[in-house]
Protein backbone atom coordinates (compact mmCIF):
# COMPACT_ATOMS: atom_id res chain seq x y z
CA MET A 1 -163.79 31.90 44.08
CA ASN A 2 -163.04 34.58 47.61
CA ARG A 3 -160.39 37.15 46.75
CA ASN A 4 -159.31 37.50 50.03
CA ASP A 5 -158.08 33.84 49.66
CA LEU A 6 -155.41 34.17 46.99
CA LYS A 7 -152.06 35.47 48.09
CA VAL A 8 -148.98 36.64 46.45
CA ILE A 9 -145.54 33.77 46.31
CA GLN A 10 -142.45 35.46 45.06
CA GLY A 11 -141.36 32.47 42.72
CA GLY A 12 -138.24 31.72 41.10
CA GLY A 13 -137.79 34.91 38.82
CA SER A 14 -138.54 38.00 40.16
CA ASN A 15 -142.83 37.81 38.86
CA THR A 16 -145.87 37.64 41.83
CA VAL A 17 -147.89 35.25 41.61
CA ALA A 18 -151.44 35.13 42.63
CA VAL A 19 -151.90 32.04 44.43
CA SER A 20 -155.33 30.48 45.47
CA GLU A 21 -154.10 27.23 46.59
CA ARG A 22 -151.08 24.97 47.35
CA LYS A 23 -151.49 21.43 46.45
CA PHE A 24 -149.31 19.68 48.38
CA ILE A 25 -147.00 17.18 45.01
CA SER A 26 -143.96 14.92 47.03
CA ALA A 27 -141.22 16.55 49.57
CA TYR A 28 -138.07 14.52 50.90
CA VAL A 29 -135.48 15.17 53.48
CA THR A 30 -131.54 13.70 54.11
CA ASP A 31 -131.08 11.55 56.32
CA THR A 32 -127.55 13.78 58.07
CA ARG A 33 -128.88 15.37 61.07
CA LEU A 34 -125.76 13.30 62.79
CA MET A 35 -124.07 15.63 61.40
CA GLY A 36 -125.46 18.48 62.17
CA VAL A 37 -126.81 19.92 58.93
CA VAL A 38 -129.95 18.37 57.25
CA GLY A 39 -131.54 19.25 53.57
CA LEU A 40 -134.95 18.88 52.89
CA HIS A 41 -136.28 19.49 49.10
CA ILE A 42 -140.80 20.91 49.33
CA HIS A 43 -142.70 20.68 45.24
CA TRP A 44 -146.02 22.00 44.69
CA MET A 45 -148.39 22.83 42.27
CA LEU A 46 -149.80 26.17 42.66
CA GLU A 47 -153.02 26.70 40.79
CA SER A 48 -155.44 30.24 40.35
CA PRO A 49 -157.86 31.16 38.21
CA THR A 50 -155.35 32.50 35.27
CA PHE A 51 -151.90 30.54 36.20
CA TYR A 52 -150.58 26.86 36.78
CA SER A 53 -147.47 25.71 37.55
CA ASP A 54 -144.64 23.47 39.84
CA PHE A 55 -143.02 24.87 42.45
CA HIS A 56 -140.12 23.83 44.00
CA GLN A 57 -138.81 25.11 47.99
CA PHE A 58 -135.13 23.84 48.61
CA PHE A 59 -134.16 24.50 52.46
CA TYR A 60 -130.17 23.76 54.02
CA PHE A 61 -130.43 23.39 57.99
CA ASP A 62 -127.10 23.69 60.05
CA ALA A 63 -127.96 22.61 63.92
CA GLU A 64 -125.07 24.04 65.17
CA GLU A 65 -124.34 27.67 64.25
CA PHE A 66 -126.30 28.82 61.64
CA GLY A 67 -130.06 27.27 61.42
CA LEU A 68 -131.74 27.50 58.42
CA GLU A 69 -128.64 28.87 56.59
CA THR A 70 -129.72 28.93 53.04
CA TYR A 71 -133.47 28.52 50.98
CA LYS A 72 -133.75 28.41 47.00
CA SER A 73 -136.35 28.06 44.72
CA VAL A 74 -138.06 27.54 41.39
CA MET A 75 -140.83 28.14 40.03
CA GLY A 76 -142.04 25.40 37.23
CA ASN A 77 -139.60 22.36 36.58
CA ASP A 78 -136.51 23.57 35.18
CA ALA A 79 -134.91 19.96 35.08
CA PHE A 80 -130.74 22.07 34.84
CA GLU A 81 -131.84 24.28 37.79
CA ILE A 82 -133.27 22.01 39.88
CA SER A 83 -130.14 19.09 39.73
CA LEU A 84 -127.88 22.39 39.72
CA ILE A 85 -129.35 23.46 43.49
CA GLU A 86 -129.61 20.29 44.51
CA LYS A 87 -125.91 19.40 43.85
CA THR A 88 -124.98 22.34 45.59
CA LEU A 89 -127.28 21.64 49.14
CA ILE A 90 -128.20 18.44 49.01
CA GLU A 91 -125.71 15.93 47.24
CA GLY A 92 -122.53 17.23 49.19
CA LEU A 93 -124.14 16.62 52.26
CA GLY A 94 -123.69 12.52 51.55
CA GLY A 95 -126.98 10.86 53.07
CA GLU A 96 -129.78 9.41 51.33
CA LYS A 97 -133.07 11.15 50.41
CA LYS A 98 -136.23 10.04 52.80
CA THR A 99 -139.88 10.70 51.11
CA LEU A 100 -141.67 13.38 53.89
CA ASN A 101 -145.58 14.07 53.71
CA GLU A 102 -146.83 17.20 53.90
CA ARG A 103 -147.56 17.25 57.32
CA GLU A 104 -143.60 16.59 58.04
CA SER A 105 -142.63 18.46 56.02
CA ARG A 106 -144.39 21.68 57.05
CA TYR A 107 -143.23 20.71 60.84
CA LEU A 108 -139.58 20.57 59.83
CA VAL A 109 -139.33 24.06 58.44
CA GLN A 110 -141.50 25.03 61.77
CA GLN A 111 -138.66 23.24 63.67
CA PHE A 112 -136.12 24.91 61.34
CA VAL A 113 -137.07 28.92 61.72
CA LYS A 114 -138.11 28.14 66.14
CA GLU A 115 -133.95 26.89 66.01
CA THR A 116 -132.81 29.74 64.04
CA GLN A 117 -134.50 32.26 66.53
CA ALA A 118 -133.03 29.75 69.52
CA LEU A 119 -129.59 30.78 67.94
CA ASN A 120 -130.14 34.27 67.42
CA VAL A 121 -129.74 34.45 64.13
CA THR A 122 -132.48 35.78 61.83
CA PRO A 123 -133.82 32.85 59.21
CA CYS A 124 -133.03 33.09 56.07
CA GLU A 125 -134.48 35.56 53.07
CA PRO A 126 -136.96 35.51 51.45
CA GLN A 127 -139.05 34.89 54.40
CA ASN A 128 -142.09 35.83 52.54
CA GLU A 129 -141.53 32.95 50.23
CA TYR A 130 -142.16 30.14 52.99
CA ALA A 131 -144.43 32.22 55.44
CA PHE A 132 -147.49 30.50 54.50
CA LEU A 133 -145.47 27.09 55.95
CA LEU A 134 -145.29 28.76 59.27
CA GLU A 135 -149.39 29.85 59.18
CA ASP A 136 -150.44 26.70 61.20
CA PRO A 137 -148.49 25.13 63.74
CA ILE A 138 -148.63 21.21 63.27
CA LEU A 139 -148.11 19.00 66.48
CA LEU A 140 -146.65 15.37 66.25
CA THR A 141 -148.02 12.86 68.35
CA ALA A 142 -144.85 10.22 69.90
CA GLU A 143 -145.44 8.00 66.95
CA GLU A 144 -145.24 11.08 64.35
CA LEU A 145 -141.79 12.04 65.86
CA LEU A 146 -140.38 8.77 66.60
CA ASN A 147 -141.08 8.27 62.45
CA ILE A 148 -139.64 11.51 61.54
CA ALA A 149 -136.26 10.80 63.86
CA ASN A 150 -136.22 7.30 62.33
CA LYS A 151 -136.05 9.19 59.19
CA LEU A 152 -133.50 12.73 59.97
CA CYS A 153 -131.05 9.78 61.44
CA THR A 154 -129.03 7.60 59.17
CA LYS A 155 -129.33 4.00 60.34
CA MET A 156 -126.33 2.70 62.33
CA LYS A 157 -124.29 0.78 60.36
CA SER A 158 -121.18 0.21 63.12
CA GLN A 159 -120.69 0.76 67.35
CA TYR A 160 -118.10 3.47 65.97
CA GLN A 161 -120.60 5.42 64.86
CA VAL A 162 -122.68 5.40 67.34
CA VAL A 163 -119.47 7.14 69.92
CA HIS A 164 -119.13 9.49 66.77
CA TYR A 165 -122.14 10.40 66.33
CA TYR A 166 -123.60 10.95 69.96
CA LEU A 167 -119.73 12.99 70.78
CA MET A 168 -119.75 15.17 67.44
CA ARG A 169 -123.07 16.18 68.65
CA THR A 170 -121.69 16.59 72.47
CA PHE A 171 -119.70 18.83 71.34
CA GLY A 172 -121.23 20.50 69.41
CA ARG A 173 -124.08 21.90 72.12
CA ASP A 174 -126.30 20.13 70.33
CA THR A 175 -129.13 18.71 72.26
CA GLU A 176 -131.25 17.72 70.45
CA GLY A 177 -129.50 16.12 67.94
CA ALA A 178 -127.69 14.18 70.96
CA SER A 179 -130.65 12.52 72.28
CA TYR A 180 -131.57 10.90 69.02
CA LEU A 181 -128.69 8.58 69.72
CA LEU A 182 -129.82 8.24 73.63
CA THR A 183 -132.16 5.94 75.86
CA LYS A 184 -135.11 6.50 77.44
CA ASN A 185 -132.99 6.44 80.74
CA ALA A 186 -129.61 7.17 79.69
CA HIS A 187 -127.58 7.89 82.48
CA ILE A 188 -125.02 10.77 81.42
CA GLU A 189 -122.52 13.25 82.48
CA ASP A 190 -121.20 16.74 80.01
CA ILE A 191 -118.94 16.10 78.19
CA ALA A 192 -118.65 19.09 75.77
CA GLU A 193 -116.64 22.86 76.94
CA ASP A 194 -118.90 25.28 77.89
CA LYS A 195 -118.65 27.05 73.84
CA ALA A 196 -119.94 24.64 70.87
CA SER A 197 -117.10 23.27 69.65
CA THR A 198 -116.18 20.70 66.22
CA LEU A 199 -114.47 16.83 66.66
CA CYS A 200 -111.76 16.98 64.78
CA ARG A 201 -110.41 12.93 65.87
CA ASN A 202 -111.58 10.97 67.78
CA THR A 203 -109.97 7.96 68.77
CA ILE A 204 -111.92 4.96 70.16
CA GLU A 205 -110.55 1.58 71.77
CA GLU A 206 -112.60 -1.07 73.70
CA PHE A 207 -112.09 -1.65 77.25
CA ILE A 208 -114.31 -4.54 78.85
CA ASN A 209 -115.03 -3.57 82.35
CA MET A 210 -115.25 -5.98 85.15
CA ASP A 211 -118.97 -7.04 85.73
CA GLY A 212 -118.55 -7.66 81.18
CA SER A 213 -119.61 -4.62 80.21
CA LEU A 214 -118.22 -2.64 76.92
CA SER A 215 -116.69 0.55 77.50
CA TYR A 216 -115.54 2.32 74.30
CA LEU A 217 -112.49 4.72 74.91
CA SER A 218 -112.32 7.75 73.05
CA GLU A 219 -110.00 10.11 72.79
CA SER A 220 -111.54 13.26 71.17
CA LEU A 221 -110.34 16.20 69.59
CA ILE A 222 -111.73 19.03 69.23
CA GLU A 223 -111.34 23.01 68.59
CA VAL A 224 -112.82 25.40 70.87
CA GLY A 225 -112.49 28.99 69.37
CA ASN A 226 -108.43 29.09 68.38
CA ASN A 227 -107.50 27.02 71.02
CA TYR A 228 -107.50 22.73 70.93
CA LYS A 229 -107.91 20.37 73.69
CA ILE A 230 -107.93 16.68 73.94
CA ILE A 231 -110.91 14.94 75.64
CA LEU A 232 -110.68 11.54 77.06
CA SER A 233 -114.47 10.30 77.82
CA GLU A 234 -116.33 6.95 78.07
CA VAL A 235 -119.13 5.40 76.31
CA LYS A 236 -121.75 2.36 77.09
CA LEU A 237 -124.09 0.86 74.52
CA GLU A 238 -126.79 -0.36 74.42
CA ASP A 239 -129.08 -1.40 71.69
CA GLU A 240 -127.09 0.95 69.17
CA LYS A 241 -127.54 3.74 71.70
CA VAL A 242 -125.76 5.96 74.05
CA CYS A 243 -127.01 4.57 77.77
CA TYR A 244 -123.66 6.31 79.60
CA ALA A 245 -121.19 8.61 79.47
CA LYS A 246 -119.10 10.67 81.80
CA LYS A 247 -115.84 12.67 80.37
CA ARG A 248 -112.45 11.65 82.45
CA SER A 249 -110.53 13.99 81.98
CA SER A 250 -109.61 17.31 79.75
CA PHE A 251 -105.98 19.35 77.90
CA SER A 252 -104.92 21.88 76.58
CA VAL A 253 -102.49 20.49 73.12
CA SER A 254 -100.61 23.26 71.10
CA PRO A 255 -100.51 23.66 67.50
CA ALA A 256 -97.48 21.90 67.11
CA GLU A 257 -99.40 18.36 68.76
CA VAL A 258 -102.62 19.39 66.41
CA ALA A 259 -100.29 19.21 63.78
CA MET A 260 -99.16 15.35 64.59
CA LEU A 261 -102.70 13.79 65.28
CA LEU A 262 -104.24 15.54 62.19
CA ASN A 263 -101.10 14.56 59.60
CA ARG A 264 -101.59 12.20 57.34
CA PRO A 265 -100.57 11.92 53.62
CA GLU A 266 -101.60 14.22 50.27
CA PHE A 267 -101.06 12.82 47.29
CA VAL A 268 -100.71 16.38 44.25
CA THR A 269 -100.93 15.86 41.00
CA LEU A 270 -100.16 19.03 38.87
CA PHE A 271 -101.28 20.49 35.67
CA GLU A 272 -100.57 23.65 32.63
CA ILE A 273 -103.62 25.56 31.85
CA LEU A 274 -102.57 26.17 27.82
CA VAL A 275 -106.02 28.06 26.93
CA ASP A 276 -107.50 31.46 27.99
CA PRO A 277 -108.47 31.08 31.70
CA ASP A 278 -111.90 32.81 30.63
CA GLU A 279 -112.72 29.24 28.33
CA PHE A 280 -111.36 27.37 30.70
CA GLU A 281 -113.09 28.53 34.20
CA SER A 282 -115.91 27.93 32.09
CA GLU A 283 -116.22 25.06 31.48
CA PHE A 284 -114.40 23.59 35.03
CA SER A 285 -117.88 25.59 35.82
CA LEU A 286 -119.88 22.47 34.42
CA PHE A 287 -117.37 20.14 35.24
CA SER A 288 -117.37 21.44 39.20
CA THR A 289 -121.30 21.32 39.51
CA GLY A 290 -121.69 20.84 43.69
CA ALA A 291 -118.49 21.66 44.77
CA MET A 292 -117.91 24.28 47.36
CA GLN A 293 -115.95 27.25 46.03
CA THR A 294 -114.01 29.16 48.23
CA LEU A 295 -111.75 32.61 46.87
CA HIS A 296 -108.32 32.96 48.16
CA ASP A 297 -106.00 35.66 47.15
CA ASN A 298 -104.09 34.21 44.31
CA GLY A 299 -107.33 31.18 42.79
CA ARG A 300 -109.94 29.37 43.69
CA LEU A 301 -110.35 26.69 45.73
CA TYR A 302 -112.81 23.33 44.82
CA LEU A 303 -113.93 20.95 47.55
CA GLU A 304 -115.64 18.24 46.22
CA PHE A 305 -117.07 15.83 49.06
CA ASN A 306 -117.56 11.97 49.61
CA ARG A 307 -121.44 10.76 48.41
CA ASN A 308 -121.54 8.82 51.60
CA ASN A 309 -120.44 9.62 55.34
CA ASP A 310 -119.24 5.70 55.95
CA HIS A 311 -115.60 7.86 57.80
CA VAL A 312 -117.72 7.65 60.73
CA THR A 313 -117.94 4.47 61.02
CA ARG A 314 -114.24 3.72 61.13
CA ARG A 315 -112.91 3.61 64.38
CA ILE A 316 -110.72 6.35 63.39
CA PHE A 317 -112.99 9.30 62.89
CA ARG A 318 -111.11 12.66 60.76
CA LEU A 319 -113.24 15.31 60.00
CA ASN A 320 -111.97 16.01 56.92
CA GLU A 321 -112.41 12.21 55.57
CA ASP A 322 -115.38 13.84 53.91
CA VAL A 323 -113.44 15.29 51.15
CA HIS A 324 -113.02 13.14 48.12
CA GLY A 325 -110.55 15.59 46.53
CA LEU A 326 -109.44 18.95 46.54
CA TYR A 327 -108.58 21.32 43.18
CA TYR A 328 -106.72 24.85 43.18
CA ILE A 329 -107.13 27.08 40.08
CA SER A 330 -104.33 29.72 40.07
CA ASP A 331 -104.03 33.07 38.71
CA TYR A 332 -100.74 32.06 37.21
CA GLY A 333 -102.11 30.00 34.66
CA GLN A 334 -101.99 26.08 36.53
CA LEU A 335 -104.28 23.27 38.31
CA VAL A 336 -103.15 21.35 41.31
CA ILE A 337 -105.61 18.56 41.98
CA ALA A 338 -105.25 16.52 45.51
CA ALA A 339 -106.36 14.59 47.71
CA TYR A 340 -105.28 11.72 50.97
CA THR A 341 -105.47 8.32 49.35
CA LYS A 342 -103.88 6.85 45.67
CA GLU A 343 -107.54 5.88 44.66
CA GLU A 344 -108.73 9.63 44.74
CA ILE A 345 -106.41 11.17 43.27
CA ARG A 346 -106.74 8.19 40.45
CA ASP A 347 -110.28 9.23 40.72
CA LEU A 348 -110.18 12.79 40.37
CA GLU A 349 -107.47 12.11 37.46
CA ASN A 350 -109.76 9.54 35.84
CA ARG A 351 -112.32 12.15 35.61
CA LEU A 352 -110.51 14.90 34.40
CA HIS A 353 -109.39 13.01 31.37
CA LYS A 354 -112.42 11.59 30.39
CA SER A 355 -114.10 15.94 30.54
CA GLY A 356 -113.75 17.88 28.09
CA ILE A 357 -111.14 19.82 30.38
CA ASN A 358 -108.34 16.52 29.21
CA LEU A 359 -107.58 18.95 26.21
CA MET A 360 -106.65 22.46 28.38
CA ILE A 361 -104.48 20.74 30.22
CA ILE A 362 -101.24 19.38 30.86
CA PRO A 363 -100.29 17.15 33.49
CA THR A 364 -96.30 18.31 34.56
CA ALA A 365 -95.63 16.37 37.89
CA LYS A 366 -96.53 13.83 40.47
CA TYR A 367 -96.47 14.23 44.14
CA GLU A 368 -96.32 12.41 47.41
CA PHE A 369 -96.61 13.73 50.78
CA LYS A 370 -96.22 12.83 53.88
CA GLU A 371 -98.53 15.30 55.21
CA PRO A 372 -100.68 18.77 52.86
CA VAL A 373 -99.29 20.90 51.94
CA LEU A 374 -101.69 22.33 49.47
CA TYR A 375 -103.72 24.42 51.59
CA GLU A 376 -99.67 25.81 52.47
CA PHE A 377 -99.32 26.56 48.83
CA ILE A 378 -102.94 28.29 49.28
CA GLN A 379 -101.73 31.01 51.79
CA SER A 380 -98.12 31.33 50.54
CA ASP A 381 -96.94 33.95 48.26
CA PHE A 382 -96.41 32.01 45.25
CA ASP A 383 -98.10 31.71 42.65
CA ASP A 384 -96.12 29.12 40.64
CA PHE A 385 -95.99 25.66 42.71
CA ASN A 386 -92.95 24.20 41.72
CA GLU A 387 -91.30 26.88 42.89
CA PHE A 388 -93.17 26.95 46.39
CA ILE A 389 -91.61 22.90 46.68
CA ASP A 390 -88.73 23.94 45.81
CA SER A 391 -88.70 26.30 49.02
CA LEU A 392 -89.61 23.24 50.74
CA GLN A 393 -86.78 21.71 49.97
């Protein structure tokens, strides 16, 4: 064996390992590219004269803003650690896992890094762990590119879904993402703003033209920086792809109008926490594995996402409909759970009831609001949720 063939990589721990061979075992990517984010997992077998181990790499890519945002790795086959990373990075994307070969896997990592640099963002660390994937540029044939595009993009379930996804990618200035939904000879005009924006809500109406063709007229509420606009556009489809797109008009909207457009019911159940905060937090951290956590002045908020992106298939698309439920643990000793439908709040309650947390909490109140209030409570100076509700009345 030639010592020049040996390379040092940083594994899941602090130890470095001399690797003479990497054997590709398997890989998958999520079919969520049209949502603007992708999760990728590659499994290798590392070998050297004195070492033999599995090696798992996880990549999280954001096409609009952050590029290759997160990278994690696991040396060995610790099932709990691997599952924890999958729940955190992969399952919240709401997509299916599509199998990749080694060539496709290397190509995607190279594309992730290239697009990250184009966004003027530095790829996430430690780059030395995945540098070997960038050494030999992978050039795919037209057939291979089509095959990988089919793996990256979920199969369309409705015409509405095509329109929503196209506008979502277009407003995000994600040219490549939008291209997956275009016919070869599509006639499109630039619908988006100069800066990347977020599609918050989109309503579609079907219209039959004089020539018998069908147009999808969209009213899109977008967020551009700290401002909001409504874009009216027309989209035509051919074989579940966009063949025509044109902006009809646009105008700014006030915060009050935005609140009305995004308004929806919120169902809330309030619990008192009966045990020591540290004991409760330890149990809840296991219960909330995979949820997104954000810290606030008076507590912690956990967002639990749906396991699929079926909300994009409906005539009216709302960005926050990918949230299944919210859990807020206040420093005051209260657990507040919220959801946007009765079915979802019942599901949250039932899962808490069946978990070990059930013995640590007691329900004290249930509410149904015409508009969301939990975020308003989190941002208020109130410690007690009931007192906050009394102040609204």
